[in-house]
Protein backbone atom coordinates (compact mmCIF):
# COMPACT_ATOMS: atom_id res chain seq x y z
CA MET A 1 -0.17 0.75 -0.25
CA GLU A 2 2.94 2.45 0.43
CA SER A 3 3.92 1.86 -2.33
CA LEU A 4 0.98 2.40 -4.59
CA ARG A 5 0.37 5.71 -3.06
CA LEU A 6 3.94 6.64 -3.52
CA VAL A 7 3.60 5.93 -7.22
CA SER A 8 0.47 7.66 -7.41
CA LEU A 9 1.83 10.42 -5.77
CA VAL A 10 4.97 10.54 -7.58
CA VAL A 11 2.84 9.61 -11.31
CA PHE A 12 0.77 12.34 -10.53
CA CYS A 13 3.72 15.07 -9.93
CA VAL A 14 5.47 13.91 -12.98
CA SER A 15 2.28 13.72 -15.41
CA LEU A 16 1.98 17.55 -13.70
CA PHE A 17 5.67 18.49 -15.38
CA LEU A 18 5.65 16.43 -18.77
CA LEU A 19 2.01 18.15 -19.19
CA GLY A 20 2.91 21.14 -18.35
CA GLU A 21 6.39 20.26 -20.50
CA LYS A 22 3.71 19.78 -24.02
CA TRP A 23 2.48 23.00 -23.61
CA TYR A 24 5.42 25.13 -23.16
CA SER A 25 6.63 23.28 -26.19
CA GLU A 26 3.57 23.91 -28.41
CA GLN A 27 3.19 27.46 -27.07
CA THR A 28 7.20 27.67 -28.44
CA ALA A 29 6.99 26.53 -31.34
CA ARG A 30 7.59 28.41 -34.47
CA THR A 31 8.99 28.60 -38.10
CA PRO A 32 12.50 29.11 -38.68
CA ALA A 33 12.83 32.83 -39.97
CA ALA A 34 13.22 33.22 -43.38
CA ALA A 35 16.88 34.06 -44.74
CA THR A 36 17.61 37.38 -44.87
CA GLN A 37 21.37 37.72 -45.97
CA SER A 38 22.65 35.88 -49.22
CA GLY A 39 25.68 32.67 -48.53
CA SER A 40 25.52 29.91 -45.72
CA PRO A 41 23.83 31.06 -42.44
CA ILE A 42 26.83 29.26 -41.32
CA ASP A 43 29.31 31.84 -42.28
CA SER A 44 27.40 35.20 -40.93
CA VAL A 45 29.98 37.00 -39.35
CA PRO A 46 28.59 38.19 -35.33
CA GLY A 47 28.90 41.54 -36.68
CA ASP A 48 25.95 43.14 -35.32
CA VAL A 49 26.94 41.22 -31.56
CA PRO A 50 28.00 44.43 -29.40
CA ALA A 51 31.24 45.58 -29.78
CA ALA A 52 34.07 44.68 -26.91
CA THR A 53 35.29 47.91 -24.97
CA THR A 54 38.31 47.94 -27.00
CA SER A 55 38.35 49.76 -30.67
CA ASN A 56 38.07 48.32 -33.96
CA PRO A 57 41.63 47.37 -34.70
CA GLY A 58 40.53 47.06 -38.09
CA GLU A 59 41.29 50.76 -38.42
CA ASP A 60 44.80 50.50 -38.37
CA LYS A 61 47.32 49.19 -40.25
CA ALA A 62 50.81 49.91 -38.32
CA LEU A 63 53.11 46.71 -38.58
CA GLY A 64 54.37 44.27 -35.77
CA ALA A 65 56.55 41.39 -35.23
CA SER A 66 57.05 38.25 -37.92
CA PRO A 67 53.73 35.50 -37.91
CA VAL A 68 54.19 33.25 -35.63
CA GLY A 69 54.58 29.54 -36.54
CA GLY A 70 57.25 29.44 -38.48
CA SER A 71 57.13 28.24 -42.62
CA VAL A 72 53.30 27.38 -43.73
CA VAL A 73 52.12 25.06 -46.96
CA PRO A 74 50.82 28.25 -48.99
CA ALA A 75 46.96 28.28 -49.25
CA SER A 76 46.57 26.66 -52.83
CA ALA A 77 48.18 23.57 -51.25
CA LEU A 78 44.73 23.02 -49.52
CA ALA A 79 42.32 25.39 -50.12
CA THR A 80 39.58 23.46 -50.99
CA THR A 81 36.43 24.43 -49.26
CA THR A 82 35.87 20.81 -47.80
CA GLU A 83 39.50 19.82 -46.84
CA VAL A 84 40.09 20.08 -43.03
CA VAL A 85 43.16 19.14 -41.06
CA ARG A 86 42.22 16.36 -37.88
CA LEU A 87 43.55 16.36 -34.62
CA GLU A 88 43.29 13.04 -33.01
CA THR A 89 44.08 11.93 -28.73
CA ASP A 90 43.17 9.00 -26.84
CA LEU A 91 39.58 10.32 -26.48
CA MET A 92 38.57 12.38 -29.32
CA GLN A 93 38.93 13.05 -32.73
CA VAL A 94 38.20 17.25 -34.31
CA GLU A 95 37.84 18.09 -37.64
CA ILE A 96 38.99 21.62 -38.09
CA SER A 97 37.94 23.21 -41.84
CA LEU A 98 40.48 25.38 -44.07
CA LEU A 99 38.05 27.65 -44.48
CA GLY A 100 37.37 29.82 -41.65
CA GLY A 101 39.37 27.32 -38.75
CA ASP A 102 35.87 26.13 -37.75
CA VAL A 103 35.72 22.68 -35.24
CA ARG A 104 33.34 21.05 -37.19
CA LYS A 105 33.11 18.24 -36.08
CA THR A 106 34.07 16.25 -33.06
CA VAL A 107 34.31 12.51 -32.59
CA LEU A 108 34.30 11.24 -28.81
CA LEU A 109 35.87 8.11 -29.05
CA LYS A 110 34.75 6.59 -25.95
CA HIS A 111 31.19 7.03 -25.78
CA GLY A 112 28.68 5.22 -27.71
CA ASP A 113 26.29 6.91 -30.90
CA THR A 114 22.90 7.07 -29.36
CA LEU A 115 21.36 4.68 -32.43
CA ASP A 116 24.46 2.56 -32.61
CA PRO A 117 26.94 1.88 -29.97
CA SER A 118 29.60 0.20 -31.64
CA LYS A 119 30.23 3.55 -33.41
CA PRO A 120 31.61 6.65 -31.45
CA PHE A 121 29.52 9.44 -30.64
CA VAL A 122 30.16 12.64 -32.41
CA LEU A 123 28.72 15.75 -30.85
CA LEU A 124 29.77 18.59 -32.79
CA GLU A 125 28.94 18.22 -36.65
CA THR A 126 28.17 19.93 -39.80
CA GLY A 127 27.02 18.86 -43.12
CA GLY A 128 23.73 16.66 -43.60
CA GLU A 129 20.70 17.65 -41.40
CA HIS A 130 22.36 18.61 -38.03
CA THR A 131 24.38 21.74 -37.61
CA TYR A 132 26.84 22.34 -34.76
CA VAL A 133 29.84 23.95 -34.97
CA ALA A 134 32.43 26.75 -32.89
CA GLN A 135 33.66 29.18 -34.73
CA THR A 136 36.52 31.82 -34.12
CA GLY A 137 38.09 35.15 -35.86
CA LEU A 138 38.54 38.93 -35.08
CA LEU A 139 35.92 41.46 -35.41
CA GLY A 140 36.28 44.54 -37.17
CA ALA A 141 36.33 45.36 -41.41
CA GLY A 142 39.03 43.47 -43.25
CA MET A 143 39.96 40.99 -40.48
CA PRO A 144 40.52 37.57 -40.65
CA ASN A 145 37.23 35.40 -39.03
CA HIS A 146 35.45 32.42 -39.33
CA LYS A 147 34.80 32.98 -44.01
CA THR A 148 38.90 33.66 -44.19
CA GLN A 149 40.34 30.52 -45.93
CA TYR A 150 43.51 29.25 -43.81
CA SER A 151 46.55 27.59 -44.64
CA GLY A 152 47.97 24.95 -42.52
CA THR A 153 51.28 23.27 -41.91
CA VAL A 154 50.31 19.69 -41.47
CA ARG A 155 46.73 17.88 -42.40
CA GLU A 156 47.05 15.64 -39.22
CA ALA A 157 48.13 15.39 -35.85
CA LYS A 158 47.59 12.42 -33.85
CA LEU A 159 48.77 11.59 -30.36
CA GLN A 160 51.80 8.93 -29.73
CA ASP A 161 52.96 6.88 -27.05
CA GLY A 162 54.73 9.08 -24.60
CA GLN A 163 53.23 12.55 -25.50
CA ASP A 164 50.91 14.76 -23.79
CA GLU A 165 49.65 17.15 -26.46
CA VAL A 166 48.81 17.40 -30.12
CA SER A 167 49.18 21.24 -31.82
CA ILE A 168 47.86 22.32 -35.38
CA GLU A 169 47.84 25.66 -36.81
CA LEU A 170 46.38 27.74 -39.39
CA ARG A 171 47.22 30.68 -40.80
CA SER A 172 45.29 33.24 -42.88
CA PRO A 173 46.76 35.38 -45.47
CA PRO A 174 47.31 38.80 -44.85
CA THR A 175 44.89 41.39 -45.13
CA ASP A 176 45.60 44.67 -46.66
CA ALA A 177 46.48 46.43 -43.74
CA GLY A 178 49.50 43.69 -43.01
CA VAL A 179 47.32 42.03 -40.59
CA VAL A 180 47.74 37.80 -40.09
CA LEU A 181 45.64 35.30 -38.08
CA THR A 182 47.23 32.78 -36.83
CA LYS A 183 44.88 30.23 -35.17
CA ARG A 184 46.48 27.34 -32.78
CA TYR A 185 44.60 24.29 -31.97
CA THR A 186 45.63 21.84 -29.32
CA VAL A 187 44.13 19.60 -26.94
CA ARG A 188 46.07 17.27 -24.69
CA ARG A 189 45.46 13.68 -23.33
CA GLY A 190 42.69 12.76 -21.46
CA GLU A 191 40.97 15.75 -21.61
CA TYR A 192 37.67 17.05 -24.10
CA VAL A 193 38.96 20.94 -24.03
CA ILE A 194 40.33 22.15 -27.53
CA ARG A 195 42.68 25.31 -26.33
CA THR A 196 41.75 27.38 -29.11
CA THR A 197 44.21 30.46 -29.09
CA GLN A 198 44.19 33.76 -31.96
CA VAL A 199 47.62 35.19 -32.41
CA VAL A 200 47.39 38.16 -34.49
CA SER A 201 50.44 39.41 -36.18
CA GLY A 202 51.07 42.84 -38.13
CA LEU A 203 49.27 45.18 -35.53
CA ALA A 204 51.98 47.29 -33.77
CA PRO A 205 52.32 46.74 -30.31
CA THR A 206 51.38 50.83 -29.66
CA ALA A 207 47.75 50.11 -31.16
CA PRO A 208 44.37 48.99 -30.28
CA ALA A 209 43.78 45.74 -28.69
CA PRO A 210 42.39 43.73 -31.07
CA SER A 211 38.83 41.74 -30.26
CA ALA A 212 38.47 38.26 -31.03
CA TYR A 213 34.76 36.21 -30.63
CA TYR A 214 34.26 33.02 -29.91
CA GLN A 215 30.80 31.04 -30.98
CA LEU A 216 29.08 27.85 -30.97
CA VAL A 217 26.69 28.01 -33.82
CA ARG A 218 23.61 24.78 -33.55
CA ASP A 219 20.48 24.34 -35.02
CA GLU A 220 17.41 23.68 -32.55
CA LYS A 221 17.01 19.69 -33.31
CA SER A 222 17.26 17.78 -29.83
CA PRO A 223 19.74 14.15 -29.82
CA VAL A 224 18.30 11.89 -31.34
CA GLY A 225 17.34 8.98 -29.58
CA GLY A 226 15.40 11.49 -26.52
CA SER A 227 12.29 10.12 -25.02
CA ARG A 228 8.58 12.18 -24.86
CA TRP A 229 7.79 10.97 -21.58
CA VAL A 230 11.63 11.82 -19.88
CA PRO A 231 11.71 15.41 -21.85
CA THR A 232 15.07 17.12 -21.20
CA TYR A 233 17.21 20.70 -21.83
CA THR A 234 18.78 21.90 -25.21
CA GLY A 235 19.75 25.01 -25.70
CA ILE A 236 22.29 27.58 -24.85
CA ALA A 237 23.04 28.37 -21.00
CA VAL A 238 24.95 31.02 -19.43
CA TYR A 239 26.93 31.49 -16.23
CA THR A 240 28.63 34.61 -14.11
CA HIS A 241 29.32 34.37 -9.86
CA ALA A 242 27.00 37.31 -10.17
CA ASP A 243 24.13 35.75 -11.79
CA LYS A 244 24.69 31.87 -11.71
CA TYR A 245 23.29 29.11 -13.90
CA GLN A 246 21.10 30.56 -16.38
CA LYS A 247 19.51 28.49 -19.51
CA VAL A 248 18.33 30.52 -22.55
CA GLY A 249 16.37 28.66 -24.68
CA PHE A 250 16.27 28.76 -29.22
CA SER A 251 12.70 29.90 -28.88
CA ASP A 252 13.86 33.06 -26.80
CA VAL A 253 16.45 33.77 -28.55
CA ALA A 254 14.40 33.69 -31.85
CA LYS A 255 12.05 35.84 -30.51
CA GLY A 256 14.61 38.36 -29.64
CA LYS A 257 14.27 38.30 -25.87
CA ALA A 258 17.71 36.91 -25.30
CA THR A 259 19.40 38.94 -27.76
CA HIS A 260 21.34 41.12 -25.80
CA SER A 261 24.70 40.97 -24.88
CA LYS A 262 26.30 41.12 -21.14
CA SER A 263 29.69 42.21 -20.31
CA ALA A 264 31.30 39.74 -17.26
CA ASP A 265 34.46 39.42 -15.32
CA ASP A 266 34.67 35.76 -15.64
CA GLY A 267 31.56 33.19 -17.01
CA TRP A 268 30.82 30.82 -19.87
CA ILE A 269 28.33 29.87 -22.35
CA GLY A 270 27.81 26.85 -24.19
CA VAL A 271 25.40 24.74 -25.45
CA VAL A 272 23.51 22.44 -23.57
CA GLN A 273 22.16 18.99 -24.79
CA HIS A 274 21.40 15.87 -22.74
CA TYR A 275 24.17 14.08 -21.43
CA PHE A 276 26.46 16.30 -22.74
CA VAL A 277 27.52 20.40 -23.56
CA SER A 278 30.42 22.43 -25.70
CA ALA A 279 31.32 25.62 -23.30
CA TRP A 280 33.99 28.38 -23.83
CA PHE A 281 34.96 29.94 -20.84
CA PRO A 282 37.88 32.07 -20.84
CA PRO A 283 40.32 32.45 -17.82
CA PRO A 284 38.36 34.52 -14.73
CA GLY A 285 39.88 37.72 -14.50
CA GLU A 286 39.42 38.66 -18.30
CA LYS A 287 36.55 40.85 -19.17
CA ARG A 288 34.60 39.26 -22.27
CA GLU A 289 30.85 40.09 -23.69
CA PHE A 290 28.45 36.94 -24.38
CA PHE A 291 25.99 37.21 -26.62
CA THR A 292 23.26 35.36 -28.15
CA ARG A 293 21.80 35.16 -32.05
CA SER A 294 19.03 33.90 -33.97
CA LEU A 295 20.81 33.26 -37.76
CA ASP A 296 19.27 32.59 -41.19
CA GLY A 297 17.74 29.09 -41.70
CA GLY A 298 16.65 28.31 -38.20
CA LEU A 299 20.56 28.40 -36.50
CA PHE A 300 21.40 29.64 -33.09
CA ALA A 301 25.49 31.24 -32.07
CA ALA A 302 26.30 31.74 -28.33
CA GLY A 303 29.38 32.90 -27.81
CA LEU A 304 31.37 36.10 -26.02
CA ILE A 305 34.11 38.78 -27.56
CA THR A 306 37.28 39.45 -25.67
CA SER A 307 40.30 41.35 -25.95
CA ALA A 308 43.73 40.19 -27.31
CA LYS A 309 46.70 40.79 -24.58
CA LEU A 310 50.14 41.34 -26.09
CA LYS A 311 52.56 38.45 -25.45
CA ASP A 312 56.20 38.44 -26.90
CA GLY A 313 55.51 41.18 -29.48
CA GLN A 314 52.15 40.02 -30.69
CA TRP A 315 48.16 39.92 -29.59
CA GLU A 316 47.81 36.53 -28.58
CA VAL A 317 43.82 35.56 -26.66
CA ASP A 318 43.64 32.60 -25.54
CA VAL A 319 39.94 30.72 -24.83
CA PRO A 320 39.56 27.09 -24.11
CA LEU A 321 36.42 25.33 -25.56
CA TYR A 322 34.97 22.30 -24.22
CA VAL A 323 33.45 19.58 -26.11
CA GLY A 324 32.04 16.42 -24.20
CA PRO A 325 30.37 14.52 -21.43
CA GLN A 326 28.50 16.24 -18.60
CA GLU A 327 30.85 14.73 -15.90
CA GLN A 328 30.63 16.72 -13.25
CA LYS A 329 33.92 16.41 -11.20
CA ASN A 330 35.86 16.96 -14.27
CA LEU A 331 33.64 19.88 -15.31
CA GLU A 332 33.76 21.40 -11.91
CA ALA A 333 37.34 21.65 -12.25
CA LEU A 334 37.16 23.72 -15.23
CA ALA A 335 35.45 26.54 -14.67
CA GLU A 336 33.39 27.60 -12.36
CA GLY A 337 29.41 26.80 -12.34
CA LEU A 338 30.05 24.57 -15.77
CA GLN A 339 29.25 21.19 -13.43
CA LEU A 340 25.48 23.05 -13.89
CA THR A 341 24.57 21.88 -16.96
CA VAL A 342 23.70 18.52 -15.64
CA ASP A 343 20.75 20.09 -14.54
CA TYR A 344 18.63 19.16 -11.29
CA GLY A 345 16.47 21.81 -11.42
CA TRP A 346 14.63 22.78 -7.80
CA LEU A 347 15.93 19.65 -6.35
CA THR A 348 20.05 20.20 -6.60
CA VAL A 349 19.85 20.62 -2.68
CA ILE A 350 19.08 16.76 -2.87
CA ALA A 351 20.12 15.60 -6.48
CA THR A 352 23.35 16.45 -5.71
CA PRO A 353 24.41 14.36 -2.03
CA LEU A 354 22.91 11.99 -4.30
CA PHE A 355 25.14 11.38 -6.86
CA TRP A 356 27.71 11.72 -4.80
CA LEU A 357 26.80 8.54 -2.75
CA LEU A 358 26.02 7.37 -6.12
CA SER A 359 29.42 7.45 -7.63
CA ASN A 360 30.78 6.64 -4.46
CA ILE A 361 30.16 3.72 -3.61
CA HIS A 362 30.33 3.17 -7.43
CA THR A 363 34.04 3.66 -7.12
CA TRP A 364 34.94 2.34 -3.92
CA VAL A 365 32.21 -0.45 -3.35
CA VAL A 366 31.54 -2.23 -7.24
CA GLN A 367 32.26 -1.27 -10.48
CA ASN A 368 28.49 -1.74 -11.56
CA TRP A 369 25.96 0.90 -11.71
CA GLY A 370 22.81 -1.88 -11.39
CA VAL A 371 24.34 -2.99 -8.57
CA THR A 372 25.05 0.76 -6.99
CA ILE A 373 21.53 1.42 -7.90
CA ILE A 374 20.17 -1.75 -5.70
CA LEU A 375 23.12 -0.60 -2.87
CA LEU A 376 21.87 3.26 -2.97
CA THR A 377 18.16 1.60 -2.78
CA ILE A 378 18.85 0.08 0.01
CA LEU A 379 20.90 2.98 1.75
CA ILE A 380 17.97 5.12 1.73
CA LYS A 381 15.86 2.67 2.27
CA GLY A 382 16.93 2.06 5.70
CA LEU A 383 17.31 5.92 6.58
CA PHE A 384 13.30 6.34 5.75
CA PHE A 385 13.08 3.31 7.60
CA PRO A 386 11.92 5.13 11.38
CA LEU A 387 8.82 6.96 8.66
CA SER A 388 7.92 3.64 6.91
CA ALA A 389 7.39 2.24 10.45
CA ALA A 390 5.54 4.92 11.82
CA SER A 391 2.94 4.55 8.26
CA TYR A 392 3.10 1.12 8.95
CA LYS A 393 1.65 1.10 12.41
CA SER A 394 -0.79 3.93 11.25
CA MET A 395 -1.69 1.47 8.31
CA ALA A 396 -2.52 -1.46 10.76
CA LYS A 397 -4.12 0.66 13.87
CA MET A 398 -6.73 1.72 10.69
CA ARG A 399 -7.33 -1.71 10.06
CA VAL A 400 -8.16 -2.78 13.51
CA MET A 401 -10.75 -0.23 12.64
CA ALA A 402 -12.36 -0.64 10.05
CA PRO A 403 -14.74 -2.93 11.48
CA LYS A 404 -15.74 -0.06 13.25
CA LEU A 405 -16.30 2.45 10.49
CA GLN A 406 -18.16 0.27 8.01
CA LYS A 407 -20.36 0.27 11.46
CA LEU A 408 -20.53 3.57 11.57
CA LYS A 409 -20.78 3.43 7.30
CA GLU A 410 -23.99 1.05 7.97
CA ILE A 411 -25.74 2.96 10.72
CA HIS A 412 -25.84 6.77 9.07
CA GLY A 413 -26.19 5.57 5.44
CA ASP A 414 -26.02 8.58 3.31
CA ASP A 415 -25.56 10.94 5.62
CA ARG A 416 -21.84 12.14 5.16
CA GLN A 417 -21.88 14.97 7.70
CA LYS A 418 -22.75 12.71 10.54
CA LEU A 419 -21.09 10.23 9.22
CA HIS A 420 -17.41 12.18 8.88
CA GLN A 421 -18.58 13.89 12.63
CA ALA A 422 -18.56 9.74 13.57
CA MET A 423 -15.49 9.16 12.19
CA MET A 424 -13.78 11.62 13.91
CA GLU A 425 -15.03 11.06 17.18
CA LEU A 426 -13.65 7.69 16.82
CA TYR A 427 -10.22 8.40 15.29
CA LYS A 428 -10.10 10.87 18.83
CA THR A 429 -11.38 8.22 20.76
CA GLU A 430 -8.56 5.88 20.03
CA LYS A 431 -5.64 8.60 19.57
CA ILE A 432 -5.55 7.55 15.40
CA ASN A 433 -4.44 9.97 12.63
CA PRO A 434 -5.91 9.03 9.84
CA LEU A 435 -3.34 11.20 7.64
CA GLY A 436 -0.13 9.48 9.73
CA GLY A 437 0.39 6.47 6.94
CA CYS A 438 0.76 9.32 4.08
CA LEU A 439 3.11 11.98 5.83
CA PRO A 440 5.44 9.27 5.61
CA ILE A 441 5.23 8.90 1.85
CA VAL A 442 5.16 12.69 1.05
CA ILE A 443 8.05 13.11 2.61
CA GLN A 444 10.06 11.11 0.54
CA ILE A 445 9.44 12.26 -3.04
CA PRO A 446 11.26 14.75 -3.47
CA VAL A 447 14.20 12.14 -2.73
CA PHE A 448 12.74 9.81 -5.58
CA ILE A 449 12.15 12.42 -8.18
CA SER A 450 15.49 13.94 -7.27
CA LEU A 451 16.61 10.39 -7.85
CA TYR A 452 14.80 9.63 -11.27
CA TRP A 453 16.92 13.35 -12.47
CA VAL A 454 20.56 11.95 -10.97
CA LEU A 455 19.72 8.51 -13.26
CA LEU A 456 18.25 10.79 -15.65
CA GLY A 457 21.00 13.11 -16.51
CA SER A 458 24.16 11.77 -15.51
CA VAL A 459 25.82 10.80 -17.96
CA GLU A 460 27.74 7.67 -15.83
CA MET A 461 24.45 5.54 -16.66
CA ARG A 462 24.36 6.33 -20.48
CA GLN A 463 25.20 2.63 -21.89
CA ALA A 464 26.02 1.57 -18.63
CA PRO A 465 24.92 -2.31 -18.34
CA PHE A 466 24.19 -3.99 -15.54
CA ALA A 467 23.62 -8.03 -16.60
CA LEU A 468 21.74 -10.65 -18.60
CA TRP A 469 19.20 -8.56 -20.97
CA ILE A 470 20.53 -4.55 -19.81
CA LYS A 471 23.01 -3.14 -21.30
CA ASP A 472 21.91 0.19 -20.50
CA LEU A 473 20.43 1.79 -17.82
CA SER A 474 19.78 4.80 -19.03
CA SER A 475 17.00 3.08 -21.96
CA PRO A 476 14.28 1.21 -21.09
CA ASP A 477 13.87 -2.59 -20.57
CA PRO A 478 13.65 -3.93 -23.91
CA PHE A 479 12.24 -6.64 -23.00
CA TYR A 480 9.69 -5.16 -20.37
CA ILE A 481 11.02 -7.72 -17.88
CA LEU A 482 12.06 -5.40 -15.06
CA PRO A 483 8.67 -3.15 -15.35
CA VAL A 484 6.50 -6.49 -15.10
CA LEU A 485 8.89 -7.57 -12.05
CA MET A 486 7.88 -4.23 -10.68
CA GLY A 487 3.76 -5.01 -10.83
CA ILE A 488 3.91 -8.26 -9.81
CA SER A 489 5.47 -6.56 -6.67
CA MET A 490 2.99 -3.76 -6.42
CA ILE A 491 0.73 -6.67 -6.44
CA ILE A 492 2.03 -8.76 -3.70
CA GLN A 493 2.62 -5.85 -1.15
CA SER A 494 -1.17 -4.87 -2.24
CA ARG A 495 -2.12 -8.81 -1.11
CA LEU A 496 -0.20 -7.46 2.56
CA ASN A 497 -3.21 -5.03 2.92
CA PRO A 498 -6.56 -5.55 3.86
CA GLU A 499 -9.13 -4.84 1.05
CA PRO A 500 -10.82 -1.06 0.76
CA PRO A 501 -14.06 -1.42 2.25
CA ASP A 502 -15.14 1.06 -0.72
CA PRO A 503 -15.79 -1.40 -4.54
CA ILE A 504 -14.56 1.27 -6.20
CA GLN A 505 -11.06 1.88 -4.29
CA ALA A 506 -10.69 -1.04 -4.11
CA LYS A 507 -11.07 -2.35 -8.18
CA VAL A 508 -8.94 0.85 -8.52
CA MET A 509 -6.17 -1.29 -6.30
CA LYS A 510 -6.31 -4.29 -8.25
CA ILE A 511 -6.01 -2.43 -11.73
CA MET A 512 -3.22 -0.27 -10.52
CA PRO A 513 -0.26 -1.99 -10.31
CA VAL A 514 -0.79 -3.30 -13.76
CA ALA A 515 -1.49 0.39 -15.41
CA PHE A 516 1.78 1.68 -13.41
CA SER A 517 4.05 -1.51 -15.06
CA ILE A 518 2.73 -0.22 -18.72
CA PHE A 519 3.68 4.20 -17.20
CA PHE A 520 7.28 2.53 -16.51
CA PHE A 521 7.91 0.40 -19.83
CA PHE A 522 9.03 4.00 -21.14
CA PHE A 523 10.85 4.83 -17.56
CA PRO A 524 14.77 3.77 -18.22
CA ALA A 525 15.55 0.59 -16.65
CA GLY A 526 17.92 2.25 -13.74
CA LEU A 527 14.64 3.60 -11.98
CA VAL A 528 12.68 0.46 -12.75
CA LEU A 529 15.45 -1.05 -10.94
CA TYR A 530 15.57 1.33 -8.19
CA TRP A 531 11.37 0.84 -8.03
CA LEU A 532 11.26 -2.76 -7.92
CA VAL A 533 14.49 -3.21 -5.33
CA ASN A 534 12.24 -0.29 -3.16
CA ASN A 535 9.24 -2.69 -3.48
CA ILE A 536 11.04 -6.25 -3.00
CA LEU A 537 12.22 -4.16 0.54
CA SER A 538 9.12 -2.26 1.53
CA ILE A 539 7.34 -6.37 1.46
CA GLY A 540 10.04 -7.30 3.56
CA GLN A 541 9.49 -4.37 6.19
CA GLN A 542 5.91 -4.46 5.74
CA TRP A 543 6.13 -8.25 6.71
CA TYR A 544 8.65 -7.55 9.66
CA ILE A 545 6.51 -4.25 10.98
CA THR A 546 3.08 -6.00 10.97
CA ARG A 547 4.26 -9.19 13.00
CA GLN A 548 5.99 -7.22 15.16
CA LEU A 549 2.89 -5.49 15.51
CA GLU A 550 0.90 -8.33 16.19
CA GLN A 551 3.20 -9.80 18.62
CA SER A 552 2.47 -7.19 20.70
CA GLY A 553 -0.85 -7.50 20.68
CA LEU A 554 -2.99 -5.60 18.03
CA GLY A 555 -3.24 -8.58 16.17
CA ALA A 556 -5.06 -10.19 19.29
CA GLN A 557 -7.62 -6.95 19.21
CA LYS A 558 -7.90 -6.66 15.99
CA ARG A 559 -8.81 -10.52 16.22
């Protein structure tokens, strides 16, 4: 009975949430804006975003030091618009286009594709039905940007044994003012960070500091493999120490509600999707301006503008780009607030320690996330044992009062007011709180919902096997065995309680296990596993507590 009540309350809360999400998506549905500029929308230069605090470097023609990077291959050698250079480490492959120096593809080697786990997961990509790229360049008329054709010294750089990092440089042709932009991309072993450095040659040290932009361009499509039953956020996210973590939906950007720029001395901006995130995060203390824009063709840009600094006689700006999974421990070490992209909503205060406990059990006790969920369920059940005991005791007392309540119904018939008064007098005389069995259950609901978001949002659960047919705890049971077992456990638990005197209520209690089993067909296997173990433990607890009550004399009183 406890499990049935708890599931009922949880399903009600989750249903309200899902209906709200559905209503919001329908209200914010829109048709992509018609193109207003010629050419591909991916080639739009962010010239309409607010300028940085420095003056326009494109107006100065001062000469500076020699270009960085030594000799380069002439542009004609690697000048086709489809040609790319590649970086490869132990964790990722990165493809960078010579047209614009865009990061146009990132392959995460340790994470399987959503639809075909035998293939690695691709986060950034372009060409086809999905567009998601990282772009950089300089602001100002005639300055090199992500439309410029670059040349490179090598076609591929692969991390070798004994190496800690790999790097590739691209170089722009000189502008009319003699400015050359060198883009350097560096990836270190064991990291999902692409250190993106822009070095400006041809500007005198006395010239105004050049302004550089770093942006992510993406369409609004949700990742493949998502569920309508468990919607997750796909959109822009911004963080500053002052304003904390904020979501900026694509629909808000499209409507012009979030196109303003914001200056700060810290923080990051990125694009979030289920399990993965990409974000630009300059070092703390450097001024930056965040911006979001709606581009042609249904694309959106999120980025920042910052100023270059003099280094060895040349202007240089370095902004790292994280492109990878939402691994909270690693994200927290990179930038303040970056771990908040794993969004637990208003229950973060409960969900965060739950995930900490879950991850520590997995690290120190057992290297299987399914077994970890079982152990966590046992711990949570033990923590709430006093509340469960109070609930079962209250339910046992109500069972004792069942014959007396039935007699009151026969006496007062359809006079509900007198029946209610008589029942209250009976509860008062017998010192019974009719809500005593519900209150402990209500207290547990935030824990359940928090655990729901932990299991749903943790990339560690993605494609994590448990045993036998469960190959992915983040996906529904492919054979629906766990939901069926959970339904059977609910039936067993309901039969431990006497049948309700109300015929309609009795029928509802019989239908509920079947209905909830079907409902849980669409939930992640990890969450259903939690509920199954929780039900089994509840059956054991209910049997134990009822037996103790009967031994203490309640059973004799009942007879």
